[in-house]
Amino acid sequence: MLSSKNWQLLLIPLLCLAAFIVLSILHKPVAGWMLTLAFISLGVSFRRYPKLKGFSFTMMIFAAFIVAMYYPQYFISVGGFKLSLLIIPLLQVIMFGMGSELSFKELAAIVKMPKGILVGVICHYTIMPLIGFGLANIFSFPKEIAAGIILVGCCPSGLASNVMAYLARANLALSVAVTTVSTLLAPLFTPLLMRLLAGKFIKVDFWDMAWDTTRVVIIPILAGLLFDKLLRGRLKWLDKLMPVISMAGIGLIIVVITAAGRDSLIKVGFLLFVAVFIHNVLGYTLGYWFSRLLRFKERDCRTISLEVGMQNSGLAAGLALLMGGMGTVGLAAVIFGPVMNISGSSLSTWWHGKPPKDDEETEAKPIGLSTAS
């Protein structure tokens, strides 16, 4: 039962939504702000309910997407400074946060479950790139947008998968390990797969992309690991601030890329959403059933399912920017993020209510970046 106080919290987004409808009918420019406030207040309200809390960040992402679609002029530049210049530094900060949440002890634990990690990484770097390649050829998107779908599939698994694995009662230690290994392998596999699968859509320079991935991913992660080794616990305020910075960074990346690609999204938005949704769901499905065929435990099947289906869409957006296609190649990444978080939260909530027969306690902790990936 919902308390009267919680009902009052839900009343705010409903009033904002009603105001949006009225103002849209009257063709008032302020209508977009009302819809944005509706999603922000809905995200705040969701934090009151344990079963909906996982959707809170996703509502904020929708708010960022909406405000950028309605008012793109505010997110292109500020005082002559191009906001797109912030994307790469923000991604590096997020990857630094991932590295600081790891430890050499956790990395050493990877060797204790080689089969699960090997299958998880192989599934991730085969299923998602091939699905992306198939969708890019089935849908009649412009070449750069089609390449963006493949790019999302060629990126490593997202940090959000660790949180979802925790909620789904999956093997959290395996989830963290697969995310870590797939991320560390990204400088090799992401440009290689892009060269093979997306080469007919856009020009892909393997070495340039390998270096871009290294400086965005590997160097910040190593810096984060060094930080954990030398200063862990000494700067507690920074430990608490990193997840906030990461979530704010993802939000800013989304508004900047959405604003840059607004016109293209208006033309292909619905079909691109359909393609991204199929990509995401097929990743979960094939990852799960391939693991079942290999007779993995239920907890491990859930883990590999989430690791395959959930991508580092923030990295895809950053690489799109470095490739010179922020408003085209990066569009699939912008849509994939919210879709992935909603589907992942829903799947994890459903699994949470169905404890696996092989349920065991795990000592691993989820990486502290919420669902910001």
Protein backbone atom coordinates (compact mmCIF):
# COMPACT_ATOMS: atom_id res chain seq x y z
CA MET A 1 0.00 0.00 0.00
CA LEU A 2 1.21 3.50 -0.81
CA SER A 3 1.26 6.06 1.97
CA SER A 4 -0.39 9.46 1.52
CA LYS A 5 3.06 11.04 1.46
CA ASN A 6 4.15 8.80 -1.42
CA TRP A 7 0.95 9.57 -3.29
CA GLN A 8 1.81 13.25 -2.94
CA LEU A 9 5.21 12.58 -4.49
CA LEU A 10 3.56 10.91 -7.49
CA LEU A 11 1.15 13.82 -7.80
CA ILE A 12 3.95 16.18 -8.87
CA PRO A 13 4.96 14.26 -12.03
CA LEU A 14 1.26 13.81 -12.92
CA LEU A 15 0.65 17.56 -12.65
CA CYS A 16 3.75 18.25 -14.76
CA LEU A 17 2.55 15.76 -17.38
CA ALA A 18 -0.90 17.39 -17.46
CA ALA A 19 0.72 20.81 -17.87
CA PHE A 20 2.86 19.42 -20.73
CA ILE A 21 -0.24 18.16 -22.56
CA VAL A 22 -2.08 21.47 -22.19
CA LEU A 23 0.92 23.58 -23.18
CA SER A 24 1.63 21.31 -26.18
CA ILE A 25 -1.94 21.77 -27.41
CA LEU A 26 -1.45 25.53 -27.07
CA HIS A 27 1.94 25.26 -28.88
CA LYS A 28 3.82 26.90 -26.02
CA PRO A 29 7.65 26.52 -26.08
CA VAL A 30 7.73 25.92 -22.33
CA ALA A 31 5.96 22.54 -22.79
CA GLY A 32 9.29 20.73 -23.05
CA TRP A 33 10.36 21.95 -19.62
CA MET A 34 7.17 20.51 -18.10
CA LEU A 35 7.83 17.09 -19.61
CA THR A 36 11.43 17.26 -18.37
CA LEU A 37 10.25 18.11 -14.85
CA ALA A 38 7.75 15.24 -15.02
CA PHE A 39 10.55 12.72 -15.55
CA ILE A 40 12.85 14.33 -12.96
CA SER A 41 10.12 14.29 -10.30
CA LEU A 42 9.22 10.73 -11.29
CA GLY A 43 12.84 9.70 -10.79
CA VAL A 44 12.87 11.30 -7.33
CA SER A 45 9.58 9.57 -6.46
CA PHE A 46 10.87 6.16 -7.56
CA ARG A 47 13.62 6.33 -4.95
CA ARG A 48 10.92 5.92 -2.30
CA TYR A 49 9.98 2.46 -3.56
CA PRO A 50 12.49 -0.43 -3.31
CA LYS A 51 11.11 -2.15 -6.42
CA LEU A 52 11.27 1.03 -8.51
CA LYS A 53 14.49 2.53 -7.16
CA GLY A 54 16.51 0.93 -9.94
CA PHE A 55 14.54 2.97 -12.50
CA SER A 56 15.31 6.32 -10.83
CA PHE A 57 18.50 7.05 -12.76
CA THR A 58 16.83 5.97 -16.00
CA MET A 59 14.09 8.58 -15.48
CA MET A 60 16.81 11.21 -15.08
CA ILE A 61 18.38 10.03 -18.33
CA PHE A 62 15.01 10.40 -20.08
CA ALA A 63 14.75 13.91 -18.68
CA ALA A 64 18.18 14.74 -20.11
CA PHE A 65 17.19 13.27 -23.48
CA ILE A 66 13.92 15.23 -23.60
CA VAL A 67 15.38 18.60 -22.67
CA ALA A 68 18.06 18.17 -25.35
CA MET A 69 15.45 17.29 -27.98
CA TYR A 70 13.29 20.31 -27.14
CA TYR A 71 16.07 22.85 -26.54
CA PRO A 72 19.21 21.69 -28.40
CA GLN A 73 20.56 25.23 -28.65
CA TYR A 74 21.48 25.20 -24.96
CA PHE A 75 23.69 22.11 -25.26
CA ILE A 76 25.85 22.86 -28.28
CA SER A 77 28.06 25.54 -26.77
CA VAL A 78 28.18 27.94 -23.81
CA GLY A 79 29.88 31.29 -24.26
CA GLY A 80 31.70 30.02 -27.33
CA PHE A 81 32.92 26.89 -25.55
CA LYS A 82 31.84 23.67 -27.31
CA LEU A 83 30.32 21.29 -24.76
CA SER A 84 31.40 18.31 -26.86
CA LEU A 85 34.95 18.97 -25.61
CA LEU A 86 33.84 17.73 -22.17
CA ILE A 87 32.80 14.26 -23.33
CA ILE A 88 36.22 12.57 -23.43
CA PRO A 89 37.42 13.99 -20.07
CA LEU A 90 34.13 12.89 -18.49
CA LEU A 91 34.52 9.37 -19.87
CA GLN A 92 38.05 9.25 -18.52
CA VAL A 93 36.78 10.28 -15.08
CA ILE A 94 34.15 7.52 -15.23
CA MET A 95 36.76 4.93 -16.17
CA PHE A 96 39.02 6.24 -13.39
CA GLY A 97 36.10 5.63 -11.04
CA MET A 98 35.82 2.06 -12.28
CA GLY A 99 39.53 1.50 -11.68
CA SER A 100 39.36 2.98 -8.18
CA GLU A 101 36.50 0.62 -7.29
CA LEU A 102 38.56 -2.40 -8.31
CA SER A 103 41.47 -3.80 -6.36
CA PHE A 104 44.42 -6.03 -7.16
CA LYS A 105 42.80 -8.67 -4.94
CA GLU A 106 39.67 -8.67 -7.15
CA LEU A 107 41.79 -8.84 -10.31
CA ALA A 108 43.68 -11.82 -8.88
CA ALA A 109 40.35 -13.55 -8.22
CA ILE A 110 39.72 -13.62 -11.99
CA VAL A 111 41.96 -16.67 -12.41
CA LYS A 112 39.67 -18.65 -10.09
CA MET A 113 36.80 -18.75 -12.63
CA PRO A 114 38.42 -18.92 -16.08
CA LYS A 115 35.62 -20.90 -17.77
CA GLY A 116 32.88 -18.44 -16.85
CA ILE A 117 34.98 -15.43 -17.80
CA LEU A 118 36.10 -16.97 -21.09
CA VAL A 119 32.53 -17.84 -22.11
CA GLY A 120 31.22 -14.46 -20.95
CA VAL A 121 33.82 -12.48 -22.90
CA ILE A 122 33.55 -14.64 -26.04
CA CYS A 123 29.75 -14.36 -26.00
CA HIS A 124 30.00 -10.62 -25.49
CA TYR A 125 32.39 -10.00 -28.35
CA THR A 126 30.57 -12.29 -30.80
CA ILE A 127 26.83 -12.09 -30.07
CA MET A 128 26.45 -8.30 -29.76
CA PRO A 129 28.70 -7.31 -32.70
CA LEU A 130 27.03 -9.85 -35.01
CA ILE A 131 23.52 -8.82 -33.97
CA GLY A 132 24.50 -5.20 -34.55
CA PHE A 133 25.87 -6.09 -37.98
CA GLY A 134 22.66 -7.91 -38.87
CA LEU A 135 20.42 -5.04 -37.73
CA ALA A 136 22.55 -2.48 -39.54
CA ASN A 137 21.98 -4.39 -42.78
CA ILE A 138 18.27 -5.11 -42.19
CA PHE A 139 17.23 -1.54 -41.39
CA SER A 140 17.70 1.10 -44.06
CA PHE A 141 19.52 3.65 -41.92
CA PRO A 142 22.03 6.17 -43.25
CA LYS A 143 25.50 4.61 -43.25
CA GLU A 144 26.86 6.45 -40.21
CA ILE A 145 23.81 5.64 -38.07
CA ALA A 146 24.06 1.98 -39.14
CA ALA A 147 27.74 2.01 -38.14
CA GLY A 148 26.69 3.38 -34.75
CA ILE A 149 24.57 0.30 -34.07
CA ILE A 150 27.58 -1.90 -34.79
CA LEU A 151 29.77 0.32 -32.61
CA VAL A 152 27.49 -0.20 -29.60
CA GLY A 153 27.72 -3.96 -30.13
CA CYS A 154 31.52 -3.85 -30.37
CA CYS A 155 32.02 -2.04 -27.05
CA PRO A 156 32.71 -3.81 -23.72
CA SER A 157 30.00 -4.58 -21.21
CA GLY A 158 28.68 -1.71 -19.14
CA LEU A 159 29.22 -1.06 -15.43
CA ALA A 160 25.44 -1.16 -14.99
CA SER A 161 25.58 -4.94 -15.54
CA ASN A 162 27.28 -5.34 -12.14
CA VAL A 163 24.42 -3.58 -10.37
CA MET A 164 21.84 -5.58 -12.32
CA ALA A 165 23.65 -8.85 -11.51
CA TYR A 166 23.47 -7.96 -7.83
CA LEU A 167 19.72 -7.26 -8.08
CA ALA A 168 19.11 -10.42 -10.13
CA ARG A 169 20.78 -12.69 -7.53
CA ALA A 170 23.32 -13.64 -10.17
CA ASN A 171 27.05 -14.35 -9.74
CA LEU A 172 28.28 -10.86 -8.89
CA ALA A 173 31.95 -11.85 -8.74
CA LEU A 174 31.71 -13.27 -12.27
CA SER A 175 29.89 -10.14 -13.46
CA VAL A 176 32.63 -7.84 -12.16
CA ALA A 177 35.29 -10.10 -13.69
CA VAL A 178 33.66 -10.23 -17.16
CA THR A 179 33.12 -6.46 -17.16
CA THR A 180 36.76 -5.92 -16.20
CA VAL A 181 38.24 -8.34 -18.75
CA SER A 182 35.98 -7.19 -21.62
CA THR A 183 36.89 -3.57 -20.82
CA LEU A 184 40.62 -4.30 -20.72
CA LEU A 185 40.34 -6.10 -24.07
CA ALA A 186 38.41 -3.24 -25.69
CA PRO A 187 41.46 -1.53 -27.28
CA LEU A 188 41.99 -4.71 -29.34
CA PHE A 189 38.52 -6.08 -30.03
CA THR A 190 36.48 -2.88 -30.46
CA PRO A 191 38.55 -1.45 -33.35
CA LEU A 192 39.14 -4.90 -34.86
CA LEU A 193 35.44 -5.77 -34.94
CA MET A 194 34.53 -2.29 -36.17
CA ARG A 195 37.04 -2.64 -39.01
CA LEU A 196 35.59 -6.03 -39.99
CA LEU A 197 31.88 -5.33 -39.54
CA ALA A 198 31.42 -1.58 -40.06
CA GLY A 199 34.07 -1.03 -42.72
CA LYS A 200 31.52 -0.93 -45.51
CA PHE A 201 29.54 1.83 -43.78
CA ILE A 202 32.30 4.17 -42.64
CA LYS A 203 36.08 4.41 -42.70
CA VAL A 204 37.58 2.75 -39.60
CA ASP A 205 41.26 3.28 -38.79
CA PHE A 206 42.27 0.38 -36.52
CA TRP A 207 45.29 2.03 -34.90
CA ASP A 208 43.61 5.38 -34.31
CA MET A 209 40.62 3.68 -32.71
CA ALA A 210 42.84 1.38 -30.65
CA TRP A 211 44.72 4.39 -29.27
CA ASP A 212 41.49 6.31 -28.63
CA THR A 213 40.09 3.36 -26.69
CA THR A 214 43.32 2.99 -24.74
CA ARG A 215 43.45 6.61 -23.61
CA VAL A 216 39.75 6.71 -22.78
CA VAL A 217 39.61 3.33 -21.01
CA ILE A 218 42.89 1.66 -20.08
CA ILE A 219 44.98 4.61 -18.87
CA PRO A 220 42.23 5.98 -16.57
CA ILE A 221 41.50 2.49 -15.17
CA LEU A 222 45.18 1.95 -14.39
CA ALA A 223 45.29 5.38 -12.74
CA GLY A 224 42.24 4.39 -10.70
CA LEU A 225 43.88 1.14 -9.62
CA LEU A 226 46.97 3.07 -8.53
CA PHE A 227 44.75 5.49 -6.63
CA ASP A 228 43.06 2.57 -4.86
CA LYS A 229 46.44 1.12 -3.93
CA LEU A 230 47.95 4.34 -2.59
CA LEU A 231 45.08 6.46 -1.29
CA ARG A 232 42.07 4.22 -0.69
CA GLY A 233 40.25 5.36 2.44
CA ARG A 234 42.29 8.53 2.86
CA LEU A 235 39.99 10.66 0.69
CA LYS A 236 36.56 9.39 1.74
CA TRP A 237 34.83 12.46 0.34
CA LEU A 238 36.19 11.60 -3.12
CA ASP A 239 34.99 7.98 -2.80
CA LYS A 240 31.46 9.27 -2.19
CA LEU A 241 31.70 11.92 -4.90
CA MET A 242 32.83 9.63 -7.75
CA PRO A 243 29.44 7.92 -8.34
CA VAL A 244 27.73 11.33 -8.44
CA ILE A 245 30.28 12.67 -10.92
CA SER A 246 29.86 9.54 -13.05
CA MET A 247 26.08 9.83 -13.21
CA ALA A 248 26.23 13.56 -13.94
CA GLY A 249 28.83 12.87 -16.63
CA ILE A 250 26.61 10.32 -18.37
CA GLY A 251 23.73 12.80 -18.27
CA LEU A 252 25.84 15.54 -19.84
CA ILE A 253 27.15 13.20 -22.54
CA ILE A 254 23.58 12.28 -23.46
CA VAL A 255 22.32 15.86 -23.73
CA VAL A 256 25.31 16.99 -25.81
CA ILE A 257 25.10 14.12 -28.31
CA THR A 258 21.30 14.26 -28.46
CA ALA A 259 21.41 17.99 -29.17
CA ALA A 260 23.99 17.47 -31.93
CA GLY A 261 21.97 14.69 -33.57
CA ARG A 262 18.46 16.02 -32.96
CA ASP A 263 17.52 16.41 -36.63
CA SER A 264 18.71 12.89 -37.47
CA LEU A 265 16.82 11.48 -34.47
CA ILE A 266 13.60 13.12 -35.62
CA LYS A 267 13.97 11.36 -38.98
CA VAL A 268 14.93 7.86 -37.79
CA GLY A 269 14.21 7.95 -34.04
CA PHE A 270 11.41 5.36 -33.87
CA LEU A 271 13.08 2.81 -36.15
CA LEU A 272 16.39 3.31 -34.36
CA PHE A 273 14.64 2.68 -31.03
CA VAL A 274 13.19 -0.55 -32.43
CA ALA A 275 16.59 -1.68 -33.69
CA VAL A 276 18.30 -0.85 -30.39
CA PHE A 277 15.59 -2.64 -28.39
CA ILE A 278 15.95 -5.78 -30.52
CA HIS A 279 19.74 -5.58 -30.15
CA ASN A 280 19.50 -5.34 -26.37
CA VAL A 281 16.89 -8.08 -25.85
CA LEU A 282 18.55 -10.55 -28.22
CA GLY A 283 21.78 -10.02 -26.28
CA TYR A 284 20.09 -11.06 -23.02
CA THR A 285 18.33 -14.00 -24.66
CA LEU A 286 21.23 -15.50 -26.58
CA GLY A 287 23.66 -14.94 -23.71
CA TYR A 288 21.37 -16.79 -21.31
CA TRP A 289 20.52 -19.75 -23.51
CA PHE A 290 24.06 -20.24 -24.79
CA SER A 291 25.15 -20.51 -21.15
CA ARG A 292 22.36 -22.99 -20.48
CA LEU A 293 23.53 -25.13 -23.39
CA LEU A 294 26.97 -25.23 -21.78
CA ARG A 295 25.33 -26.41 -18.51
CA PHE A 296 26.26 -23.37 -16.45
CA LYS A 297 24.54 -22.84 -13.12
CA GLU A 298 21.46 -20.62 -13.16
CA ARG A 299 23.31 -17.80 -11.36
CA ASP A 300 26.06 -17.86 -13.99
CA CYS A 301 23.54 -17.95 -16.84
CA ARG A 302 21.88 -14.83 -15.49
CA THR A 303 25.26 -13.16 -15.17
CA ILE A 304 26.37 -13.90 -18.73
CA SER A 305 22.95 -12.84 -20.03
CA LEU A 306 23.33 -9.40 -18.41
CA GLU A 307 26.99 -9.09 -19.39
CA VAL A 308 26.18 -9.80 -23.04
CA GLY A 309 23.10 -7.58 -23.28
CA MET A 310 24.41 -4.51 -21.45
CA GLN A 311 26.98 -2.37 -23.26
CA ASN A 312 29.17 0.56 -22.30
CA SER A 313 27.08 3.03 -24.28
CA GLY A 314 29.04 5.97 -22.84
CA LEU A 315 32.24 4.63 -24.39
CA ALA A 316 30.43 4.12 -27.70
CA ALA A 317 29.31 7.75 -27.62
CA GLY A 318 32.84 8.95 -26.87
CA LEU A 319 34.37 6.88 -29.66
CA ALA A 320 31.71 8.22 -32.04
CA LEU A 321 32.82 11.73 -31.14
CA LEU A 322 36.48 10.89 -31.78
CA MET A 323 35.48 9.39 -35.13
CA GLY A 324 33.84 12.68 -36.08
CA GLY A 325 30.29 11.33 -35.99
CA MET A 326 28.91 12.57 -32.68
CA GLY A 327 25.49 13.47 -34.13
CA THR A 328 25.21 10.36 -36.33
CA VAL A 329 27.39 7.43 -35.26
CA GLY A 330 26.69 8.31 -31.62
CA LEU A 331 22.88 8.25 -31.85
CA ALA A 332 22.49 4.50 -31.26
CA ALA A 333 24.55 4.82 -28.08
CA VAL A 334 22.31 7.63 -26.80
CA ILE A 335 19.21 5.47 -27.21
CA PHE A 336 20.84 2.24 -26.04
CA GLY A 337 21.66 3.64 -22.58
CA PRO A 338 18.09 4.31 -21.37
CA VAL A 339 16.71 1.21 -23.13
CA MET A 340 19.39 -0.96 -21.51
CA ASN A 341 18.73 0.43 -18.04
CA ILE A 342 14.96 -0.06 -18.25
CA SER A 343 15.18 -3.58 -19.68
CA GLY A 344 18.01 -4.55 -17.33
CA SER A 345 16.19 -3.24 -14.27
CA SER A 346 13.00 -5.04 -15.31
CA LEU A 347 14.77 -8.34 -15.98
CA SER A 348 16.73 -8.12 -12.73
CA THR A 349 13.60 -7.35 -10.71
CA TRP A 350 11.84 -10.37 -12.24
CA TRP A 351 14.81 -12.63 -11.53
CA HIS A 352 15.09 -11.26 -8.00
CA GLY A 353 11.69 -12.75 -7.25
CA LYS A 354 12.85 -16.13 -8.53
CA PRO A 355 15.84 -17.24 -6.41
CA PRO A 356 18.06 -19.68 -8.34
CA LYS A 357 18.29 -23.21 -6.95
CA ASP A 358 22.05 -22.90 -6.79
CA ASP A 359 21.80 -19.60 -4.89
CA GLU A 360 24.97 -18.95 -2.90
CA GLU A 361 26.31 -15.95 -1.08
CA THR A 362 29.04 -13.94 -2.75
CA GLU A 363 31.56 -11.72 -1.11
CA ALA A 364 32.06 -9.44 -4.09
CA LYS A 365 30.68 -5.91 -4.04
CA PRO A 366 29.10 -4.11 -6.97
CA ILE A 367 31.12 -1.39 -8.58
CA GLY A 368 29.86 1.86 -7.10
CA LEU A 369 28.71 3.66 -10.25
CA SER A 370 25.00 2.88 -9.98
CA THR A 371 23.62 2.43 -13.52
CA ALA A 372 25.70 5.11 -15.12
CA SER A 373 26.95 3.47 -18.28
